[in-house]
Amino acid sequence: MTEGLFVAVGTMDRGVGRGVEAADAAAGALRLSGFAQIGGSRAIPARLAWARWLDPEEFRCRIARARVVITHGGIGILGDAMRARRPILAVPRRGRPSRSFPAEDQLPVLRRIAAVYPIHVCEDPRALLPALRALLRGPAEVDYRLGSDVPRIVARFLARADQARGDEPVGSIPRKR
């Protein structure tokens, strides 16, 4: 069962208010339901239900049920949305990178990802409404062709097998005895 929008800013404690505001306005204009995870944003949605933080399981469930995921350029959210095959509209955080905030400008990374995968990048929040309209006319699921999970599955299996035998996990540094 899909729901309307899921708007997410992830773990950014300072929030990404301009994306939240634009998504909330677009939801109102299009009469869409949805939910926003706003983190430390000062923008409080008027039309979307919201919470500052969600536990990881609820976060992934909301992504899986969303018709469209609107997010900043966080790799974690992008990966979760891609694995859930949800259409993605990314409004990158913009700013000057610094030692404290090296990923302050997410646009270069998003452009590179969008060159490979069908992620829609909305550089200007004022353009979010027409971008969302276009995305809603497309498929409800997207095949991102992410590659194989086999290496991760095998590593997890081997780690459990080693643990059951009391051995060191494969790839770990042996303990001194």
Protein backbone atom coordinates (compact mmCIF):
# COMPACT_ATOMS: atom_id res chain seq x y z
CA MET A 1 0.00 0.00 0.00
CA THR A 2 1.51 3.32 -1.02
CA GLU A 3 0.88 6.60 0.69
CA GLY A 4 1.59 10.10 -0.57
CA LEU A 5 4.90 11.74 0.13
CA PHE A 6 7.64 10.91 2.55
CA VAL A 7 9.86 13.91 3.16
CA ALA A 8 13.08 13.19 5.03
CA VAL A 9 16.10 15.14 6.18
CA GLY A 10 17.75 12.24 8.01
CA THR A 11 20.02 12.91 10.96
CA MET A 12 20.89 16.49 10.08
CA ASP A 13 20.37 18.25 13.40
CA ARG A 14 20.25 21.72 11.81
CA GLY A 15 17.50 20.66 9.43
CA VAL A 16 16.92 21.40 5.78
CA GLY A 17 14.05 23.83 6.08
CA ARG A 18 13.77 24.99 2.48
CA GLY A 19 13.13 21.45 1.22
CA VAL A 20 10.60 20.77 3.98
CA GLU A 21 8.75 24.03 3.25
CA ALA A 22 8.67 23.39 -0.51
CA ALA A 23 7.47 19.79 -0.06
CA ASP A 24 4.76 20.90 2.36
CA ALA A 25 3.54 23.58 -0.06
CA ALA A 26 3.58 21.09 -2.97
CA ALA A 27 1.59 18.57 -0.92
CA GLY A 28 -1.03 21.26 -0.29
CA ALA A 29 -1.16 22.35 -3.93
CA LEU A 30 -1.52 18.75 -5.15
CA ARG A 31 -3.76 17.66 -2.25
CA LEU A 32 -1.38 14.87 -1.33
CA SER A 33 -1.11 13.21 2.04
CA GLY A 34 2.28 12.53 3.48
CA PHE A 35 4.69 12.56 6.34
CA ALA A 36 7.82 14.60 6.99
CA GLN A 37 10.77 13.68 9.17
CA ILE A 38 12.16 17.15 9.82
CA GLY A 39 15.13 16.67 12.16
CA GLY A 40 16.30 20.00 13.56
CA SER A 41 14.53 22.04 10.90
CA ARG A 42 12.84 25.24 11.97
CA ALA A 43 10.24 24.68 9.23
CA ILE A 44 7.17 22.98 10.66
CA PRO A 45 4.85 21.45 8.02
CA ALA A 46 1.29 22.76 7.96
CA ARG A 47 -0.14 20.12 5.61
CA LEU A 48 2.01 17.05 6.21
CA ALA A 49 2.06 15.01 9.40
CA TRP A 50 5.54 15.20 10.88
CA ALA A 51 8.03 14.15 13.53
CA ARG A 52 11.52 15.37 14.20
CA TRP A 53 13.02 11.89 14.41
CA LEU A 54 11.90 8.36 13.58
CA ASP A 55 13.40 5.08 14.68
CA PRO A 56 15.17 3.28 11.81
CA GLU A 57 12.45 0.66 11.32
CA GLU A 58 9.63 3.20 11.07
CA PHE A 59 11.82 5.32 8.78
CA ARG A 60 12.33 2.43 6.35
CA CYS A 61 8.62 1.48 6.51
CA ARG A 62 7.58 5.03 5.62
CA ILE A 63 9.99 5.01 2.68
CA ALA A 64 8.62 1.68 1.48
CA ARG A 65 5.02 2.95 1.58
CA ALA A 66 5.68 6.35 -0.02
CA ARG A 67 4.59 7.15 -3.55
CA VAL A 68 7.53 9.60 -3.77
CA VAL A 69 10.45 10.22 -1.42
CA ILE A 70 11.59 13.83 -1.17
CA THR A 71 14.93 14.19 0.54
CA HIS A 72 18.12 16.19 0.76
CA GLY A 73 21.27 14.60 -0.66
CA GLY A 74 21.99 12.19 2.18
CA ILE A 75 23.46 8.93 0.96
CA GLY A 76 21.70 6.84 3.61
CA ILE A 77 18.20 8.00 2.67
CA LEU A 78 18.98 7.76 -1.04
CA GLY A 79 20.15 4.17 -0.57
CA ASP A 80 17.08 3.21 1.48
CA ALA A 81 14.74 4.77 -1.10
CA MET A 82 16.57 3.13 -4.00
CA ARG A 83 16.42 -0.30 -2.34
CA ALA A 84 12.69 0.26 -1.74
CA ARG A 85 12.35 1.18 -5.45
CA ARG A 86 10.70 4.50 -4.66
CA PRO A 87 10.85 7.50 -7.01
CA ILE A 88 13.21 10.09 -5.50
CA LEU A 89 13.14 13.87 -5.67
CA ALA A 90 16.28 15.28 -4.07
CA VAL A 91 16.57 18.87 -2.88
CA PRO A 92 20.27 19.15 -2.01
CA ARG A 93 21.55 20.98 1.01
CA ARG A 94 23.55 23.92 -0.31
CA GLY A 95 26.28 25.80 1.44
CA ARG A 96 29.97 26.21 1.74
CA PRO A 97 31.79 23.05 2.85
CA SER A 98 33.90 23.50 5.97
CA ARG A 99 35.89 21.34 8.33
CA SER A 100 32.85 21.06 10.60
CA PHE A 101 30.41 20.40 7.73
CA PRO A 102 32.31 18.83 4.81
CA ALA A 103 29.12 17.70 3.03
CA GLU A 104 27.45 21.09 3.27
CA ASP A 105 27.00 21.32 -0.52
CA GLN A 106 25.37 18.11 -1.70
CA LEU A 107 24.76 19.20 -5.28
CA PRO A 108 27.98 17.84 -6.83
CA VAL A 109 27.42 14.36 -5.36
CA LEU A 110 23.74 14.34 -6.33
CA ARG A 111 24.60 15.32 -9.90
CA ARG A 112 27.01 12.39 -10.15
CA ILE A 113 24.49 9.94 -8.71
CA ALA A 114 21.73 11.28 -10.99
CA ALA A 115 24.01 10.75 -13.99
CA VAL A 116 23.91 7.01 -13.23
CA TYR A 117 20.51 6.48 -11.56
CA PRO A 118 17.09 8.01 -12.28
CA ILE A 119 17.06 10.37 -9.30
CA HIS A 120 15.42 13.73 -9.91
CA VAL A 121 17.51 16.59 -8.55
CA CYS A 122 15.68 19.81 -7.75
CA GLU A 123 18.35 22.47 -7.28
CA ASP A 124 15.84 25.22 -6.51
CA PRO A 125 13.08 24.46 -4.00
CA ARG A 126 10.79 26.83 -5.93
CA ALA A 127 10.87 24.27 -8.76
CA LEU A 128 9.78 21.40 -6.51
CA LEU A 129 6.06 21.56 -7.41
CA PRO A 130 6.49 21.09 -11.18
CA ALA A 131 9.21 18.47 -10.58
CA LEU A 132 6.89 16.56 -8.25
CA ARG A 133 4.01 16.77 -10.74
CA ALA A 134 6.23 15.25 -13.42
CA LEU A 135 7.47 12.52 -11.09
CA LEU A 136 3.91 11.59 -10.09
CA ARG A 137 3.05 11.03 -13.77
CA GLY A 138 5.78 8.39 -13.94
CA PRO A 139 5.95 4.85 -12.56
CA ALA A 140 5.28 4.18 -8.88
CA GLU A 141 8.35 1.91 -8.73
CA VAL A 142 11.82 2.46 -10.11
CA ASP A 143 14.37 -0.24 -10.91
CA TYR A 144 17.66 1.35 -9.87
CA ARG A 145 19.70 -1.73 -10.90
CA LEU A 146 21.81 -1.52 -7.77
CA GLY A 147 23.78 -4.69 -8.22
CA SER A 148 24.07 -7.73 -6.07
CA ASP A 149 23.63 -8.13 -2.33
CA VAL A 150 25.42 -11.48 -2.51
CA PRO A 151 28.75 -10.28 -0.99
CA ARG A 152 26.92 -8.79 2.01
CA ILE A 153 24.74 -11.88 2.43
CA VAL A 154 27.73 -14.23 2.28
CA ALA A 155 29.73 -12.09 4.73
CA ARG A 156 26.81 -12.06 7.19
CA PHE A 157 26.39 -15.83 6.85
CA LEU A 158 30.10 -16.46 7.44
CA ALA A 159 30.18 -14.14 10.44
CA ARG A 160 27.25 -16.02 12.03
CA ALA A 161 28.89 -19.38 11.31
CA ASP A 162 32.18 -18.19 12.82
CA GLN A 163 30.38 -16.79 15.85
CA ALA A 164 28.52 -20.07 16.39
CA ARG A 165 31.86 -21.91 16.40
CA GLY A 166 33.48 -19.28 18.63
CA ASP A 167 35.95 -18.32 15.88
CA GLU A 168 37.05 -14.84 14.95
CA PRO A 169 34.80 -13.34 12.26
CA VAL A 170 36.19 -13.61 8.73
CA GLY A 171 38.20 -10.50 7.90
CA SER A 172 38.74 -9.49 11.51
CA ILE A 173 42.07 -8.87 13.14
CA PRO A 174 42.94 -11.88 15.31
CA ARG A 175 43.02 -11.28 19.05
CA LYS A 176 46.28 -11.80 20.88
CA ARG A 177 46.00 -14.82 23.13
